[in-house]
Amino acid sequence: MTSDQALARVIDQLERGSIGYLVVGALSSNLYGVPRATDDADVEVLFDGFDVVSFAAGLGDEYRLDRQMMIEGFTGTVRYVLHHEPSGFTIELFRLGGDPHHQERFSRRRRLRVPECRGEAWVSTAEDVVIQKLRWARRKDLDDIVNLIAVSGDELDWEYVNRWAKVHGTSNLLTDLRAEAGR
C-alpha cells in the first residue's frame, strides 16, 4: 500500500464513521499553489465522540498509533500521530480545539478533489491555508504561502486574510511574502 492509499483509507474511515475532518498542511496548500512532496499528512478532526484508539485499530495492523498525545505549539491543539508502517507515511490527527481561527477555518472548509486522497475530501480554503502557515512560519510554510499567492493570489479574499493576520500579529510577514510573490 502506498502513502496515498494509506491516507485514502484514513479519510474513507473518517467519512464512513461520519466524523468531521479537514485536510490541512501541505496537502491543502498543494491544491492552491505549487505542489511539493511531503512525508506526512495533517488532518484536523472533530473529537466529539471520536475514540482515536478504536479508530486506529479499525484501520488494521499496518497502522500504529502513538498513544501519547502531543501539543501543537502555536494554538495548544492536541495531536496524535498515526504511522502507516509499510510505507513509512505519517498521518497527524489534530483535535479541533477552541482556537477561534481553527473554528472558523473548519466552518469554511470545502469539498475538493485531493489526488493524495484518491478522491474528494474536506480541505481548508486557500485563505485559511495562508493564515495557518503564517502562524507556523517555518521556511517550508513561508515558501508554500509565496507559491500559493503566486498561483491563486488574485482569487483570495484578502479582507479575510488581512483580518486574521492582524489578529495573529503576522501582517508584516504577510506583506513581505506578498512582495516576494510579486503581488
C-alpha atoms as a PDB file:
ATOM      1  CA  MET A   1       0.000   0.000   0.000  1.00  0.00           C
ATOM      2  CA  THR A   2       1.348   3.431  -0.949  1.00  0.00           C
ATOM      3  CA  SER A   3       1.247   6.552   1.217  1.00  0.00           C
ATOM      4  CA  ASP A   4      -1.645   7.860  -0.909  1.00  0.00           C
ATOM      5  CA  GLN A   5      -3.585   4.653  -0.352  1.00  0.00           C
ATOM      6  CA  ALA A   6      -2.798   4.804   3.371  1.00  0.00           C
ATOM      7  CA  LEU A   7      -4.185   8.320   3.609  1.00  0.00           C
ATOM      8  CA  ALA A   8      -7.202   7.455   1.453  1.00  0.00           C
ATOM      9  CA  ARG A   9      -8.017   4.623   3.857  1.00  0.00           C
ATOM     10  CA  VAL A  10      -7.936   7.007   6.837  1.00  0.00           C
ATOM     11  CA  ILE A  11     -10.159   9.536   5.029  1.00  0.00           C
ATOM     12  CA  ASP A  12     -12.571   6.778   3.964  1.00  0.00           C
ATOM     13  CA  GLN A  13     -12.853   5.535   7.544  1.00  0.00           C
ATOM     14  CA  LEU A  14     -13.485   9.065   8.851  1.00  0.00           C
ATOM     15  CA  GLU A  15     -16.240   9.512   6.275  1.00  0.00           C
ATOM     16  CA  ARG A  16     -17.813   6.096   6.918  1.00  0.00           C
ATOM     17  CA  GLY A  17     -17.924   6.993  10.602  1.00  0.00           C
ATOM     18  CA  SER A  18     -19.460  10.414   9.845  1.00  0.00           C
ATOM     19  CA  ILE A  19     -16.560  12.029  11.690  1.00  0.00           C
ATOM     20  CA  GLY A  20     -15.956  15.665  10.812  1.00  0.00           C
ATOM     21  CA  TYR A  21     -12.459  16.307   9.489  1.00  0.00           C
ATOM     22  CA  LEU A  22     -10.406  18.767   7.499  1.00  0.00           C
ATOM     23  CA  VAL A  23      -7.219  18.121   5.486  1.00  0.00           C
ATOM     24  CA  VAL A  24      -4.727  20.876   6.320  1.00  0.00           C
ATOM     25  CA  GLY A  25      -0.993  21.482   5.910  1.00  0.00           C
ATOM     26  CA  ALA A  26       0.988  20.746   2.758  1.00  0.00           C
ATOM     27  CA  LEU A  27      -1.724  18.681   1.120  1.00  0.00           C
ATOM     28  CA  SER A  28      -4.174  21.557   1.300  1.00  0.00           C
ATOM     29  CA  SER A  29      -1.622  24.131   0.100  1.00  0.00           C
ATOM     30  CA  ASN A  30      -0.754  21.853  -2.842  1.00  0.00           C
ATOM     31  CA  LEU A  31      -4.289  22.372  -4.159  1.00  0.00           C
ATOM     32  CA  TYR A  32      -3.883  26.133  -4.462  1.00  0.00           C
ATOM     33  CA  GLY A  33      -0.184  26.660  -5.106  1.00  0.00           C
ATOM     34  CA  VAL A  34       2.848  24.809  -6.395  1.00  0.00           C
ATOM     35  CA  PRO A  35       2.675  21.194  -5.190  1.00  0.00           C
ATOM     36  CA  ARG A  36       5.549  19.839  -3.144  1.00  0.00           C
ATOM     37  CA  ALA A  37       6.334  16.440  -1.708  1.00  0.00           C
ATOM     38  CA  THR A  38       5.581  15.760   1.926  1.00  0.00           C
ATOM     39  CA  ASP A  39       6.267  12.807   4.191  1.00  0.00           C
ATOM     40  CA  ASP A  40       3.120  13.260   6.251  1.00  0.00           C
ATOM     41  CA  ALA A  41      -0.487  14.369   6.132  1.00  0.00           C
ATOM     42  CA  ASP A  42      -2.191  16.686   8.592  1.00  0.00           C
ATOM     43  CA  VAL A  43      -5.870  16.114   9.332  1.00  0.00           C
ATOM     44  CA  GLU A  44      -7.928  18.110  11.815  1.00  0.00           C
ATOM     45  CA  VAL A  45     -10.684  16.022  13.400  1.00  0.00           C
ATOM     46  CA  LEU A  46     -13.781  16.754  15.451  1.00  0.00           C
ATOM     47  CA  PHE A  47     -13.096  14.657  18.511  1.00  0.00           C
ATOM     48  CA  ASP A  48     -16.655  14.808  19.878  1.00  0.00           C
ATOM     49  CA  GLY A  49     -17.369  11.113  20.375  1.00  0.00           C
ATOM     50  CA  PHE A  50     -14.219  10.190  18.444  1.00  0.00           C
ATOM     51  CA  ASP A  51     -12.215   7.379  20.020  1.00  0.00           C
ATOM     52  CA  VAL A  52      -8.801   7.672  18.383  1.00  0.00           C
ATOM     53  CA  VAL A  53      -7.600   4.298  19.733  1.00  0.00           C
ATOM     54  CA  SER A  54     -10.597   2.402  18.312  1.00  0.00           C
ATOM     55  CA  PHE A  55     -10.321   4.365  15.089  1.00  0.00           C
ATOM     56  CA  ALA A  56      -6.660   3.389  14.652  1.00  0.00           C
ATOM     57  CA  ALA A  57      -7.399  -0.249  15.493  1.00  0.00           C
ATOM     58  CA  GLY A  58     -10.103  -0.267  12.823  1.00  0.00           C
ATOM     59  CA  LEU A  59      -7.546   0.642  10.175  1.00  0.00           C
ATOM     60  CA  GLY A  60      -5.739  -2.682  10.617  1.00  0.00           C
ATOM     61  CA  ASP A  61      -2.322  -3.980  11.581  1.00  0.00           C
ATOM     62  CA  GLU A  62      -0.468  -1.802   9.063  1.00  0.00           C
ATOM     63  CA  TYR A  63      -1.216   1.280  11.167  1.00  0.00           C
ATOM     64  CA  ARG A  64       0.344   2.145  14.520  1.00  0.00           C
ATOM     65  CA  LEU A  65      -0.913   4.926  16.759  1.00  0.00           C
ATOM     66  CA  ASP A  66       1.413   6.764  19.095  1.00  0.00           C
ATOM     67  CA  ARG A  67      -0.880   6.763  22.112  1.00  0.00           C
ATOM     68  CA  GLN A  68       0.929   9.688  23.680  1.00  0.00           C
ATOM     69  CA  MET A  69      -0.856  12.820  22.625  1.00  0.00           C
ATOM     70  CA  MET A  70       1.279  15.843  21.815  1.00  0.00           C
ATOM     71  CA  ILE A  71       0.549  19.534  21.882  1.00  0.00           C
ATOM     72  CA  GLU A  72       0.969  21.759  18.798  1.00  0.00           C
ATOM     73  CA  GLY A  73       2.883  24.803  19.993  1.00  0.00           C
ATOM     74  CA  PHE A  74       1.103  27.779  18.411  1.00  0.00           C
ATOM     75  CA  THR A  75      -2.505  27.025  19.327  1.00  0.00           C
ATOM     76  CA  GLY A  76      -2.247  24.353  22.005  1.00  0.00           C
ATOM     77  CA  THR A  77      -4.058  21.863  19.787  1.00  0.00           C
ATOM     78  CA  VAL A  78      -3.836  18.212  20.802  1.00  0.00           C
ATOM     79  CA  ARG A  79      -2.419  15.898  18.158  1.00  0.00           C
ATOM     80  CA  TYR A  80      -1.999  12.164  17.724  1.00  0.00           C
ATOM     81  CA  VAL A  81       0.427  10.566  15.289  1.00  0.00           C
ATOM     82  CA  LEU A  82      -0.675   7.628  13.175  1.00  0.00           C
ATOM     83  CA  HIS A  83       2.054   5.684  11.335  1.00  0.00           C
ATOM     84  CA  HIS A  84       1.474   3.559   8.270  1.00  0.00           C
ATOM     85  CA  GLU A  85       4.272   1.063   8.840  1.00  0.00           C
ATOM     86  CA  PRO A  86       4.771  -0.385   5.317  1.00  0.00           C
ATOM     87  CA  SER A  87       5.112   2.998   3.606  1.00  0.00           C
ATOM     88  CA  GLY A  88       6.670   4.944   6.488  1.00  0.00           C
ATOM     89  CA  PHE A  89       3.997   7.603   5.962  1.00  0.00           C
ATOM     90  CA  THR A  90       2.726   9.562   8.960  1.00  0.00           C
ATOM     91  CA  ILE A  91      -0.750  10.993   9.418  1.00  0.00           C
ATOM     92  CA  GLU A  92      -1.122  13.547  12.183  1.00  0.00           C
ATOM     93  CA  LEU A  93      -4.610  13.811  13.651  1.00  0.00           C
ATOM     94  CA  PHE A  94      -5.191  17.217  15.252  1.00  0.00           C
ATOM     95  CA  ARG A  95      -8.153  17.707  17.557  1.00  0.00           C
ATOM     96  CA  LEU A  96     -10.272  20.696  16.594  1.00  0.00           C
ATOM     97  CA  GLY A  97      -9.980  22.878  19.646  1.00  0.00           C
ATOM     98  CA  GLY A  98     -11.243  26.216  20.787  1.00  0.00           C
ATOM     99  CA  ASP A  99      -8.796  28.345  18.787  1.00  0.00           C
ATOM    100  CA  PRO A 100     -11.035  30.961  17.116  1.00  0.00           C
ATOM    101  CA  HIS A 101      -9.330  30.710  13.737  1.00  0.00           C
ATOM    102  CA  HIS A 102      -9.490  26.923  13.745  1.00  0.00           C
ATOM    103  CA  GLN A 103     -13.197  27.111  14.479  1.00  0.00           C
ATOM    104  CA  GLU A 104     -13.808  29.493  11.589  1.00  0.00           C
ATOM    105  CA  ARG A 105     -11.466  27.560   9.293  1.00  0.00           C
ATOM    106  CA  PHE A 106     -13.417  24.373   9.973  1.00  0.00           C
ATOM    107  CA  SER A 107     -16.745  26.067   9.219  1.00  0.00           C
ATOM    108  CA  ARG A 108     -15.332  27.387   5.892  1.00  0.00           C
ATOM    109  CA  ARG A 109     -13.952  24.046   4.683  1.00  0.00           C
ATOM    110  CA  ARG A 110     -14.549  22.900   1.109  1.00  0.00           C
ATOM    111  CA  ARG A 111     -15.063  19.556  -0.531  1.00  0.00           C
ATOM    112  CA  LEU A 112     -12.455  19.220  -3.301  1.00  0.00           C
ATOM    113  CA  ARG A 113     -10.646  16.532  -5.210  1.00  0.00           C
ATOM    114  CA  VAL A 114      -7.405  15.730  -3.406  1.00  0.00           C
ATOM    115  CA  PRO A 115      -5.169  13.468  -5.516  1.00  0.00           C
ATOM    116  CA  GLU A 116      -3.386  12.059  -2.458  1.00  0.00           C
ATOM    117  CA  CYS A 117      -6.753  11.009  -1.004  1.00  0.00           C
ATOM    118  CA  ARG A 118      -7.757   9.309  -4.258  1.00  0.00           C
ATOM    119  CA  GLY A 119     -10.972  11.286  -4.453  1.00  0.00           C
ATOM    120  CA  GLU A 120     -12.714  14.130  -2.738  1.00  0.00           C
ATOM    121  CA  ALA A 121     -12.048  15.261   0.817  1.00  0.00           C
ATOM    122  CA  TRP A 122     -12.803  18.193   3.096  1.00  0.00           C
ATOM    123  CA  VAL A 123      -9.975  20.746   2.885  1.00  0.00           C
ATOM    124  CA  SER A 124      -9.059  24.226   4.082  1.00  0.00           C
ATOM    125  CA  THR A 125      -9.790  27.183   1.856  1.00  0.00           C
ATOM    126  CA  ALA A 126      -6.790  28.844   0.240  1.00  0.00           C
ATOM    127  CA  GLU A 127      -7.203  31.813   2.592  1.00  0.00           C
ATOM    128  CA  ASP A 128      -7.115  29.582   5.657  1.00  0.00           C
ATOM    129  CA  VAL A 129      -4.016  27.794   4.375  1.00  0.00           C
ATOM    130  CA  VAL A 130      -2.254  31.169   4.183  1.00  0.00           C
ATOM    131  CA  ILE A 131      -3.421  32.218   7.654  1.00  0.00           C
ATOM    132  CA  GLN A 132      -2.349  28.976   9.348  1.00  0.00           C
ATOM    133  CA  LYS A 133       1.002  28.775   7.579  1.00  0.00           C
ATOM    134  CA  LEU A 134       1.727  32.379   8.585  1.00  0.00           C
ATOM    135  CA  ARG A 135       1.324  31.279  12.203  1.00  0.00           C
ATOM    136  CA  TRP A 136       3.684  28.324  11.836  1.00  0.00           C
ATOM    137  CA  ALA A 137       6.185  30.450   9.873  1.00  0.00           C
ATOM    138  CA  ARG A 138       8.600  27.608   9.142  1.00  0.00           C
ATOM    139  CA  ARG A 139      10.591  28.201   5.945  1.00  0.00           C
ATOM    140  CA  LYS A 140       8.690  25.490   4.049  1.00  0.00           C
ATOM    141  CA  ASP A 141       5.393  27.064   5.151  1.00  0.00           C
ATOM    142  CA  LEU A 142       6.527  30.512   4.016  1.00  0.00           C
ATOM    143  CA  ASP A 143       7.546  29.040   0.648  1.00  0.00           C
ATOM    144  CA  ASP A 144       4.099  27.427   0.396  1.00  0.00           C
ATOM    145  CA  ILE A 145       2.484  30.824   1.019  1.00  0.00           C
ATOM    146  CA  VAL A 146       4.600  32.537  -1.652  1.00  0.00           C
ATOM    147  CA  ASN A 147       3.738  29.801  -4.158  1.00  0.00           C
ATOM    148  CA  LEU A 148       0.049  29.882  -3.241  1.00  0.00           C
ATOM    149  CA  ILE A 149      -0.106  33.666  -3.622  1.00  0.00           C
ATOM    150  CA  ALA A 150       1.748  33.482  -6.956  1.00  0.00           C
ATOM    151  CA  VAL A 151      -0.738  30.924  -8.306  1.00  0.00           C
ATOM    152  CA  SER A 152      -4.028  31.865  -6.596  1.00  0.00           C
ATOM    153  CA  GLY A 153      -3.465  35.344  -5.167  1.00  0.00           C
ATOM    154  CA  ASP A 154      -5.995  37.085  -7.404  1.00  0.00           C
ATOM    155  CA  GLU A 155      -8.741  34.762  -6.159  1.00  0.00           C
ATOM    156  CA  LEU A 156      -8.112  35.199  -2.427  1.00  0.00           C
ATOM    157  CA  ASP A 157     -10.418  37.034  -0.056  1.00  0.00           C
ATOM    158  CA  TRP A 158      -7.720  39.447   1.119  1.00  0.00           C
ATOM    159  CA  GLU A 159     -10.026  41.181   3.594  1.00  0.00           C
ATOM    160  CA  TYR A 160     -10.449  37.877   5.441  1.00  0.00           C
ATOM    161  CA  VAL A 161      -6.713  37.039   5.289  1.00  0.00           C
ATOM    162  CA  ASN A 162      -5.697  40.520   6.456  1.00  0.00           C
ATOM    163  CA  ARG A 163      -8.178  40.411   9.347  1.00  0.00           C
ATOM    164  CA  TRP A 164      -6.665  37.206  10.729  1.00  0.00           C
ATOM    165  CA  ALA A 165      -3.090  38.332  10.029  1.00  0.00           C
ATOM    166  CA  LYS A 166      -3.786  41.378  12.168  1.00  0.00           C
ATOM    167  CA  VAL A 167      -5.281  39.234  14.954  1.00  0.00           C
ATOM    168  CA  HIS A 168      -2.252  36.899  14.886  1.00  0.00           C
ATOM    169  CA  GLY A 169       0.354  39.645  14.540  1.00  0.00           C
ATOM    170  CA  THR A 170       1.566  38.344  11.175  1.00  0.00           C
ATOM    171  CA  SER A 171       0.615  41.319   8.971  1.00  0.00           C
ATOM    172  CA  ASN A 172       4.211  42.426   8.323  1.00  0.00           C
ATOM    173  CA  LEU A 173       5.241  38.900   7.384  1.00  0.00           C
ATOM    174  CA  LEU A 174       2.271  38.652   5.030  1.00  0.00           C
ATOM    175  CA  THR A 175       3.254  41.929   3.360  1.00  0.00           C
ATOM    176  CA  ASP A 176       6.792  40.628   2.841  1.00  0.00           C
ATOM    177  CA  LEU A 177       5.544  37.343   1.365  1.00  0.00           C
ATOM    178  CA  ARG A 178       3.127  39.108  -0.976  1.00  0.00           C
ATOM    179  CA  ALA A 179       6.028  41.213  -2.246  1.00  0.00           C
ATOM    180  CA  GLU A 180       8.143  38.080  -2.672  1.00  0.00           C
ATOM    181  CA  ALA A 181       5.312  36.549  -4.720  1.00  0.00           C
ATOM    182  CA  GLY A 182       5.100  39.679  -6.853  1.00  0.00           C
ATOM    183  CA  ARG A 183       1.634  40.641  -5.562  1.00  0.00           C
END
